[in-house]
PDB file of N, CA and C in Angstrom:
ATOM      1  N   MET A   1      29.324 -26.562   5.839  1.00  0.00           N
ATOM      2  CA  MET A   1      28.798 -26.165   7.256  1.00  0.00           C
ATOM      3  C   MET A   1      27.338 -26.725   6.860  1.00  0.00           C
ATOM      4  N   ASN A   2      26.456 -27.135   8.008  1.00  0.00           N
ATOM      5  CA  ASN A   2      24.893 -27.422   7.823  1.00  0.00           C
ATOM      6  C   ASN A   2      24.157 -26.363   7.340  1.00  0.00           C
ATOM      7  N   LYS A   3      23.546 -26.668   6.411  1.00  0.00           N
ATOM      8  CA  LYS A   3      22.534 -25.637   6.030  1.00  0.00           C
ATOM      9  C   LYS A   3      21.089 -26.021   5.815  1.00  0.00           C
ATOM     10  N   GLU A   4      20.719 -26.967   6.830  1.00  0.00           N
ATOM     11  CA  GLU A   4      19.251 -27.303   6.850  1.00  0.00           C
ATOM     12  C   GLU A   4      19.051 -26.526   8.213  1.00  0.00           C
ATOM     13  N   LYS A   5      17.471 -26.688   7.860  1.00  0.00           N
ATOM     14  CA  LYS A   5      16.685 -25.727   8.367  1.00  0.00           C
ATOM     15  C   LYS A   5      15.598 -26.519   9.910  1.00  0.00           C
ATOM     16  N   ALA A   6      15.578 -26.331  10.853  1.00  0.00           N
ATOM     17  CA  ALA A   6      14.713 -26.708  11.566  1.00  0.00           C
ATOM     18  C   ALA A   6      13.096 -25.982  11.337  1.00  0.00           C
ATOM     19  N   SER A   7      12.146 -26.976  11.517  1.00  0.00           N
ATOM     20  CA  SER A   7      10.673 -26.061  11.072  1.00  0.00           C
ATOM     21  C   SER A   7       9.583 -26.530  11.696  1.00  0.00           C
ATOM     22  N   PHE A   8       8.574 -25.843  12.242  1.00  0.00           N
ATOM     23  CA  PHE A   8       7.390 -26.106  13.222  1.00  0.00           C
ATOM     24  C   PHE A   8       6.222 -25.510  12.161  1.00  0.00           C
ATOM     25  N   THR A   9       5.100 -25.851  12.499  1.00  0.00           N
ATOM     26  CA  THR A   9       3.629 -25.321  11.870  1.00  0.00           C
ATOM     27  C   THR A   9       2.840 -24.853  13.261  1.00  0.00           C
ATOM     28  N   ILE A  10       2.207 -23.518  12.768  1.00  0.00           N
ATOM     29  CA  ILE A  10       1.675 -23.248  13.488  1.00  0.00           C
ATOM     30  C   ILE A  10      -0.184 -23.007  13.083  1.00  0.00           C
ATOM     31  N   ASN A  11      -0.804 -23.625  13.469  1.00  0.00           N
ATOM     32  CA  ASN A  11      -2.508 -23.935  13.008  1.00  0.00           C
ATOM     33  C   ASN A  11      -3.285 -22.929  13.692  1.00  0.00           C
ATOM     34  N   ASN A  12      -4.168 -21.780  12.679  1.00  0.00           N
ATOM     35  CA  ASN A  12      -4.924 -21.223  13.210  1.00  0.00           C
ATOM     36  C   ASN A  12      -6.317 -21.944  13.507  1.00  0.00           C
ATOM     37  N   ASP A  13      -6.435 -22.662  14.690  1.00  0.00           N
ATOM     38  CA  ASP A  13      -7.668 -23.207  14.827  1.00  0.00           C
ATOM     39  C   ASP A  13      -8.223 -22.610  15.888  1.00  0.00           C
ATOM     40  N   THR A  14      -8.567 -21.219  16.040  1.00  0.00           N
ATOM     41  CA  THR A  14      -8.963 -20.606  17.296  1.00  0.00           C
ATOM     42  C   THR A  14     -10.316 -19.955  16.913  1.00  0.00           C
ATOM     43  N   ASN A  15     -10.381 -19.770  15.184  1.00  0.00           N
ATOM     44  CA  ASN A  15     -11.729 -19.317  15.076  1.00  0.00           C
ATOM     45  C   ASN A  15     -11.904 -18.201  15.402  1.00  0.00           C
ATOM     46  N   LEU A  16     -10.422 -17.600  15.414  1.00  0.00           N
ATOM     47  CA  LEU A  16     -10.362 -15.757  15.380  1.00  0.00           C
ATOM     48  C   LEU A  16      -9.366 -15.348  14.184  1.00  0.00           C
ATOM     49  N   PRO A  17      -9.474 -14.619  13.904  1.00  0.00           N
ATOM     50  CA  PRO A  17      -8.565 -13.996  13.007  1.00  0.00           C
ATOM     51  C   PRO A  17      -7.167 -13.954  13.506  1.00  0.00           C
ATOM     52  N   MET A  18      -6.028 -14.236  13.065  1.00  0.00           N
ATOM     53  CA  MET A  18      -4.591 -14.341  13.938  1.00  0.00           C
ATOM     54  C   MET A  18      -3.986 -13.808  12.636  1.00  0.00           C
ATOM     55  N   THR A  19      -2.779 -12.755  13.566  1.00  0.00           N
ATOM     56  CA  THR A  19      -1.759 -11.895  12.700  1.00  0.00           C
ATOM     57  C   THR A  19      -0.357 -12.624  13.154  1.00  0.00           C
ATOM     58  N   ILE A  20       0.411 -12.624  12.568  1.00  0.00           N
ATOM     59  CA  ILE A  20       1.705 -13.355  12.700  1.00  0.00           C
ATOM     60  C   ILE A  20       2.511 -11.888  12.341  1.00  0.00           C
ATOM     61  N   VAL A  21       3.366 -11.735  13.179  1.00  0.00           N
ATOM     62  CA  VAL A  21       4.017 -10.527  12.968  1.00  0.00           C
ATOM     63  C   VAL A  21       5.596 -10.338  12.995  1.00  0.00           C
ATOM     64  N   HIS A  22       6.334 -10.195  12.392  1.00  0.00           N
ATOM     65  CA  HIS A  22       7.804 -10.405  12.269  1.00  0.00           C
ATOM     66  C   HIS A  22       8.633  -9.193  12.596  1.00  0.00           C
ATOM     67  N   GLU A  23       9.116  -9.547  14.111  1.00  0.00           N
ATOM     68  CA  GLU A  23       9.808  -8.941  14.660  1.00  0.00           C
ATOM     69  C   GLU A  23      11.250  -8.378  14.476  1.00  0.00           C
ATOM     70  N   PRO A  24      11.924  -7.760  14.902  1.00  0.00           N
ATOM     71  CA  PRO A  24      11.316  -6.286  15.255  1.00  0.00           C
ATOM     72  C   PRO A  24      11.046  -4.926  14.241  1.00  0.00           C
ATOM     73  N   GLU A  25      10.772  -5.513  13.051  1.00  0.00           N
ATOM     74  CA  GLU A  25      10.295  -4.685  12.380  1.00  0.00           C
ATOM     75  C   GLU A  25       8.516  -4.432  11.823  1.00  0.00           C
ATOM     76  N   CYS A  26       8.044  -5.949  13.224  1.00  0.00           N
ATOM     77  CA  CYS A  26       6.678  -5.226  12.569  1.00  0.00           C
ATOM     78  C   CYS A  26       6.071  -5.216  11.355  1.00  0.00           C
ATOM     79  N   PHE A  27       6.281  -6.185  10.579  1.00  0.00           N
ATOM     80  CA  PHE A  27       5.686  -6.720   9.445  1.00  0.00           C
ATOM     81  C   PHE A  27       4.659  -7.381   9.462  1.00  0.00           C
ATOM     82  N   GLU A  28       3.565  -7.441   9.237  1.00  0.00           N
ATOM     83  CA  GLU A  28       2.346  -8.539   9.625  1.00  0.00           C
ATOM     84  C   GLU A  28       1.842  -9.375   8.162  1.00  0.00           C
ATOM     85  N   PHE A  29       1.355 -10.478   8.827  1.00  0.00           N
ATOM     86  CA  PHE A  29       0.822 -11.390   8.141  1.00  0.00           C
ATOM     87  C   PHE A  29      -0.689 -12.260   8.573  1.00  0.00           C
ATOM     88  N   GLU A  30      -1.618 -12.175   8.122  1.00  0.00           N
ATOM     89  CA  GLU A  30      -2.998 -12.696   8.287  1.00  0.00           C
ATOM     90  C   GLU A  30      -3.131 -13.720   8.324  1.00  0.00           C
ATOM     91  N   VAL A  31      -3.215 -14.525   8.945  1.00  0.00           N
ATOM     92  CA  VAL A  31      -3.182 -16.473   8.678  1.00  0.00           C
ATOM     93  C   VAL A  31      -4.910 -16.285   8.826  1.00  0.00           C
ATOM     94  N   PRO A  32      -5.416 -16.952   7.744  1.00  0.00           N
ATOM     95  CA  PRO A  32      -6.749 -17.072   7.923  1.00  0.00           C
ATOM     96  C   PRO A  32      -7.447 -18.638   8.335  1.00  0.00           C
ATOM     97  N   ILE A  33      -8.863 -17.992   9.098  1.00  0.00           N
ATOM     98  CA  ILE A  33      -8.994 -19.336  10.131  1.00  0.00           C
ATOM     99  C   ILE A  33      -9.094 -20.652   9.455  1.00  0.00           C
ATOM    100  N   SER A  34      -8.771 -21.629  10.337  1.00  0.00           N
ATOM    101  CA  SER A  34      -8.298 -22.909   9.538  1.00  0.00           C
ATOM    102  C   SER A  34      -7.356 -22.916   8.770  1.00  0.00           C
ATOM    103  N   ASN A  35      -6.021 -22.219   8.419  1.00  0.00           N
ATOM    104  CA  ASN A  35      -5.037 -22.586   7.676  1.00  0.00           C
ATOM    105  C   ASN A  35      -4.139 -22.755   8.725  1.00  0.00           C
ATOM    106  N   GLU A  36      -2.707 -22.884   7.803  1.00  0.00           N
ATOM    107  CA  GLU A  36      -1.469 -22.695   8.756  1.00  0.00           C
ATOM    108  C   GLU A  36      -0.384 -22.273   8.054  1.00  0.00           C
ATOM    109  N   ILE A  37       0.877 -21.959   9.118  1.00  0.00           N
ATOM    110  CA  ILE A  37       1.973 -21.389   8.469  1.00  0.00           C
ATOM    111  C   ILE A  37       3.102 -22.747   8.684  1.00  0.00           C
ATOM    112  N   VAL A  38       4.277 -21.899   8.102  1.00  0.00           N
ATOM    113  CA  VAL A  38       5.108 -22.988   8.564  1.00  0.00           C
ATOM    114  C   VAL A  38       6.624 -21.949   8.753  1.00  0.00           C
ATOM    115  N   VAL A  39       7.425 -22.145   9.814  1.00  0.00           N
ATOM    116  CA  VAL A  39       8.391 -21.207  10.613  1.00  0.00           C
ATOM    117  C   VAL A  39       9.502 -22.094   9.875  1.00  0.00           C
ATOM    118  N   LYS A  40      10.447 -21.660   9.323  1.00  0.00           N
ATOM    119  CA  LYS A  40      12.012 -22.400   9.112  1.00  0.00           C
ATOM    120  C   LYS A  40      12.863 -21.208   9.995  1.00  0.00           C
ATOM    121  N   THR A  41      13.652 -22.097  10.511  1.00  0.00           N
ATOM    122  CA  THR A  41      14.939 -21.405  11.369  1.00  0.00           C
ATOM    123  C   THR A  41      15.861 -21.798  11.687  1.00  0.00           C
ATOM    124  N   ASP A  42      17.311 -21.573  11.729  1.00  0.00           N
ATOM    125  CA  ASP A  42      18.734 -22.582  12.284  1.00  0.00           C
ATOM    126  C   ASP A  42      18.351 -23.076  13.263  1.00  0.00           C
ATOM    127  N   PRO A  43      18.825 -24.328  13.233  1.00  0.00           N
ATOM    128  CA  PRO A  43      18.896 -25.868  14.121  1.00  0.00           C
ATOM    129  C   PRO A  43      19.294 -25.193  15.668  1.00  0.00           C
ATOM    130  N   VAL A  44      19.468 -24.003  16.096  1.00  0.00           N
ATOM    131  CA  VAL A  44      20.337 -23.901  17.516  1.00  0.00           C
ATOM    132  C   VAL A  44      19.103 -23.825  18.535  1.00  0.00           C
ATOM    133  N   ASN A  45      19.759 -23.614  19.386  1.00  0.00           N
ATOM    134  CA  ASN A  45      19.074 -23.597  20.687  1.00  0.00           C
ATOM    135  C   ASN A  45      18.632 -21.942  21.109  1.00  0.00           C
ATOM    136  N   ASP A  46      17.586 -22.193  21.508  1.00  0.00           N
ATOM    137  CA  ASP A  46      16.987 -20.686  21.453  1.00  0.00           C
ATOM    138  C   ASP A  46      17.103 -19.786  20.059  1.00  0.00           C
ATOM    139  N   SER A  47      16.536 -20.427  19.433  1.00  0.00           N
ATOM    140  CA  SER A  47      16.926 -19.905  18.001  1.00  0.00           C
ATOM    141  C   SER A  47      15.948 -18.723  17.938  1.00  0.00           C
ATOM    142  N   ILE A  48      14.682 -18.800  18.233  1.00  0.00           N
ATOM    143  CA  ILE A  48      13.439 -17.742  18.352  1.00  0.00           C
ATOM    144  C   ILE A  48      12.692 -17.554  19.391  1.00  0.00           C
ATOM    145  N   ASN A  49      12.016 -16.627  19.622  1.00  0.00           N
ATOM    146  CA  ASN A  49      11.109 -16.365  20.661  1.00  0.00           C
ATOM    147  C   ASN A  49       9.631 -16.144  20.113  1.00  0.00           C
ATOM    148  N   LEU A  50       8.759 -16.954  20.666  1.00  0.00           N
ATOM    149  CA  LEU A  50       7.598 -16.866  20.035  1.00  0.00           C
ATOM    150  C   LEU A  50       6.303 -15.617  21.196  1.00  0.00           C
ATOM    151  N   LYS A  51       5.652 -14.949  21.164  1.00  0.00           N
ATOM    152  CA  LYS A  51       5.246 -14.543  22.052  1.00  0.00           C
ATOM    153  C   LYS A  51       3.286 -14.428  21.944  1.00  0.00           C
ATOM    154  N   ILE A  52       2.649 -14.781  22.337  1.00  0.00           N
ATOM    155  CA  ILE A  52       1.242 -15.063  21.806  1.00  0.00           C
ATOM    156  C   ILE A  52       0.018 -14.498  22.501  1.00  0.00           C
ATOM    157  N   ASP A  53      -0.516 -13.736  21.867  1.00  0.00           N
ATOM    158  CA  ASP A  53      -1.447 -12.561  22.768  1.00  0.00           C
ATOM    159  C   ASP A  53      -2.702 -12.497  22.131  1.00  0.00           C
ATOM    160  N   VAL A  54      -4.001 -12.491  22.757  1.00  0.00           N
ATOM    161  CA  VAL A  54      -5.358 -12.187  22.149  1.00  0.00           C
ATOM    162  C   VAL A  54      -5.417 -10.855  22.409  1.00  0.00           C
ATOM    163  N   ILE A  55      -5.149 -10.095  21.081  1.00  0.00           N
ATOM    164  CA  ILE A  55      -5.783  -8.312  21.041  1.00  0.00           C
ATOM    165  C   ILE A  55      -6.890  -7.795  20.223  1.00  0.00           C
ATOM    166  N   GLU A  56      -8.142  -7.204  21.100  1.00  0.00           N
ATOM    167  CA  GLU A  56      -8.773  -6.972  20.355  1.00  0.00           C
ATOM    168  C   GLU A  56      -9.685  -7.885  19.663  1.00  0.00           C
ATOM    169  N   GLY A  57      -9.745  -9.293  20.332  1.00  0.00           N
ATOM    170  CA  GLY A  57     -10.876 -10.239  19.531  1.00  0.00           C
ATOM    171  C   GLY A  57      -9.534 -11.645  18.459  1.00  0.00           C
ATOM    172  N   LYS A  58      -8.894 -10.841  18.448  1.00  0.00           N
ATOM    173  CA  LYS A  58      -7.411 -11.331  17.614  1.00  0.00           C
ATOM    174  C   LYS A  58      -5.992 -12.144  17.952  1.00  0.00           C
ATOM    175  N   THR A  59      -5.913 -13.316  17.674  1.00  0.00           N
ATOM    176  CA  THR A  59      -4.787 -13.719  18.174  1.00  0.00           C
ATOM    177  C   THR A  59      -3.487 -12.818  17.145  1.00  0.00           C
ATOM    178  N   VAL A  60      -2.489 -12.851  17.806  1.00  0.00           N
ATOM    179  CA  VAL A  60      -1.739 -11.953  17.479  1.00  0.00           C
ATOM    180  C   VAL A  60      -0.401 -13.359  18.157  1.00  0.00           C
ATOM    181  N   VAL A  61       0.638 -13.567  17.365  1.00  0.00           N
ATOM    182  CA  VAL A  61       1.854 -14.163  17.284  1.00  0.00           C
ATOM    183  C   VAL A  61       2.852 -13.753  17.051  1.00  0.00           C
ATOM    184  N   SER A  62       3.531 -12.826  17.791  1.00  0.00           N
ATOM    185  CA  SER A  62       5.021 -11.911  17.332  1.00  0.00           C
ATOM    186  C   SER A  62       6.166 -12.898  17.673  1.00  0.00           C
ATOM    187  N   ILE A  63       7.166 -13.018  16.496  1.00  0.00           N
ATOM    188  CA  ILE A  63       8.261 -14.135  16.275  1.00  0.00           C
ATOM    189  C   ILE A  63       9.194 -13.285  16.364  1.00  0.00           C
ATOM    190  N   TRP A  64      10.385 -13.326  17.502  1.00  0.00           N
ATOM    191  CA  TRP A  64      11.594 -12.574  17.493  1.00  0.00           C
ATOM    192  C   TRP A  64      12.417 -13.361  17.590  1.00  0.00           C
ATOM    193  N   PRO A  65      13.703 -12.900  16.842  1.00  0.00           N
ATOM    194  CA  PRO A  65      14.735 -13.613  16.408  1.00  0.00           C
ATOM    195  C   PRO A  65      15.510 -13.515  17.523  1.00  0.00           C
ATOM    196  N   HIS A  66      15.856 -14.733  18.040  1.00  0.00           N
ATOM    197  CA  HIS A  66      17.035 -14.747  19.296  1.00  0.00           C
ATOM    198  C   HIS A  66      18.484 -14.754  18.786  1.00  0.00           C
ATOM    199  N   ARG A  67      18.821 -16.544  18.467  1.00  0.00           N
ATOM    200  CA  ARG A  67      20.030 -16.774  18.016  1.00  0.00           C
ATOM    201  C   ARG A  67      19.971 -16.794  16.703  1.00  0.00           C
ATOM    202  N   SER A  68      18.842 -16.410  15.902  1.00  0.00           N
ATOM    203  CA  SER A  68      18.820 -17.143  14.732  1.00  0.00           C
ATOM    204  C   SER A  68      17.998 -16.216  13.640  1.00  0.00           C
ATOM    205  N   MET A  69      17.814 -15.852  12.385  1.00  0.00           N
ATOM    206  CA  MET A  69      17.136 -15.415  11.543  1.00  0.00           C
ATOM    207  C   MET A  69      15.961 -16.724  11.078  1.00  0.00           C
ATOM    208  N   TYR A  70      14.566 -16.221  10.585  1.00  0.00           N
ATOM    209  CA  TYR A  70      13.617 -17.095  10.240  1.00  0.00           C
ATOM    210  C   TYR A  70      12.718 -16.506   8.978  1.00  0.00           C
ATOM    211  N   SER A  71      12.184 -17.592   8.932  1.00  0.00           N
ATOM    212  CA  SER A  71      11.211 -17.223   7.455  1.00  0.00           C
ATOM    213  C   SER A  71       9.411 -17.897   8.108  1.00  0.00           C
ATOM    214  N   VAL A  72       9.152 -17.530   7.040  1.00  0.00           N
ATOM    215  CA  VAL A  72       7.563 -17.712   7.458  1.00  0.00           C
ATOM    216  C   VAL A  72       7.028 -18.437   6.235  1.00  0.00           C
ATOM    217  N   TYR A  73       6.400 -19.109   5.947  1.00  0.00           N
ATOM    218  CA  TYR A  73       5.972 -19.822   4.815  1.00  0.00           C
ATOM    219  C   TYR A  73       4.374 -19.943   5.153  1.00  0.00           C
ATOM    220  N   TYR A  74       3.680 -19.381   3.665  1.00  0.00           N
ATOM    221  CA  TYR A  74       2.294 -19.787   3.730  1.00  0.00           C
ATOM    222  C   TYR A  74       1.803 -20.174   2.166  1.00  0.00           C
ATOM    223  N   ASN A  75       1.607 -21.607   1.954  1.00  0.00           N
ATOM    224  CA  ASN A  75       1.110 -22.143   1.119  1.00  0.00           C
ATOM    225  C   ASN A  75       2.615 -22.072   0.434  1.00  0.00           C
ATOM    226  N   GLY A  76       3.782 -22.345   0.740  1.00  0.00           N
ATOM    227  CA  GLY A  76       4.810 -22.633   0.035  1.00  0.00           C
ATOM    228  C   GLY A  76       5.448 -21.549   0.190  1.00  0.00           C
ATOM    229  N   ASN A  77       4.968 -19.887   0.267  1.00  0.00           N
ATOM    230  CA  ASN A  77       5.664 -18.671  -0.224  1.00  0.00           C
ATOM    231  C   ASN A  77       5.889 -18.269   1.225  1.00  0.00           C
ATOM    232  N   ASP A  78       6.895 -17.450   1.039  1.00  0.00           N
ATOM    233  CA  ASP A  78       7.769 -16.709   2.065  1.00  0.00           C
ATOM    234  C   ASP A  78       7.129 -15.298   2.091  1.00  0.00           C
ATOM    235  N   VAL A  79       6.449 -15.038   3.160  1.00  0.00           N
ATOM    236  CA  VAL A  79       5.200 -14.174   3.384  1.00  0.00           C
ATOM    237  C   VAL A  79       5.887 -12.657   3.846  1.00  0.00           C
ATOM    238  N   PHE A  80       7.374 -12.599   4.529  1.00  0.00           N
ATOM    239  CA  PHE A  80       7.914 -11.641   4.513  1.00  0.00           C
ATOM    240  C   PHE A  80       9.373 -11.275   3.688  1.00  0.00           C
ATOM    241  N   GLU A  81       9.370 -12.369   2.645  1.00  0.00           N
ATOM    242  CA  GLU A  81      10.349 -11.885   1.757  1.00  0.00           C
ATOM    243  C   GLU A  81      10.346 -10.342   0.789  1.00  0.00           C
ATOM    244  N   LYS A  82       9.137  -9.910   0.119  1.00  0.00           N
ATOM    245  CA  LYS A  82       9.145  -8.637  -0.434  1.00  0.00           C
ATOM    246  C   LYS A  82       9.835  -8.100   0.481  1.00  0.00           C
ATOM    247  N   TYR A  83       9.526  -7.892   2.239  1.00  0.00           N
ATOM    248  CA  TYR A  83      10.281  -6.425   2.603  1.00  0.00           C
ATOM    249  C   TYR A  83      11.549  -7.265   3.082  1.00  0.00           C
ATOM    250  N   PHE A  84      11.907  -7.779   2.567  1.00  0.00           N
ATOM    251  CA  PHE A  84      13.592  -7.766   2.378  1.00  0.00           C
ATOM    252  C   PHE A  84      14.571  -7.833   1.091  1.00  0.00           C
ATOM    253  N   ASP A  85      14.240  -7.707  -0.234  1.00  0.00           N
ATOM    254  CA  ASP A  85      14.890  -7.739  -1.537  1.00  0.00           C
ATOM    255  C   ASP A  85      15.299  -6.240  -1.285  1.00  0.00           C
TER     256      ASP A  85
END
């Protein structure tokens, strides 16, 4: 079985605070302005869904699992790992 992950980067180039929300649990991580996160997921069609909003002057990116779970990394660290231990 192939254990490789697909990944993509989200850059916060908005000059606004950015919150990443791990759904459906609503765990939050604040991405500093001019920084980025990396999302890793299984390489399947429709693996995750992204919902992007601006709420009260803040960019909010909600990540929903669809056909795969996912991890979010900032500076090489899984930012939501502590919630799943």
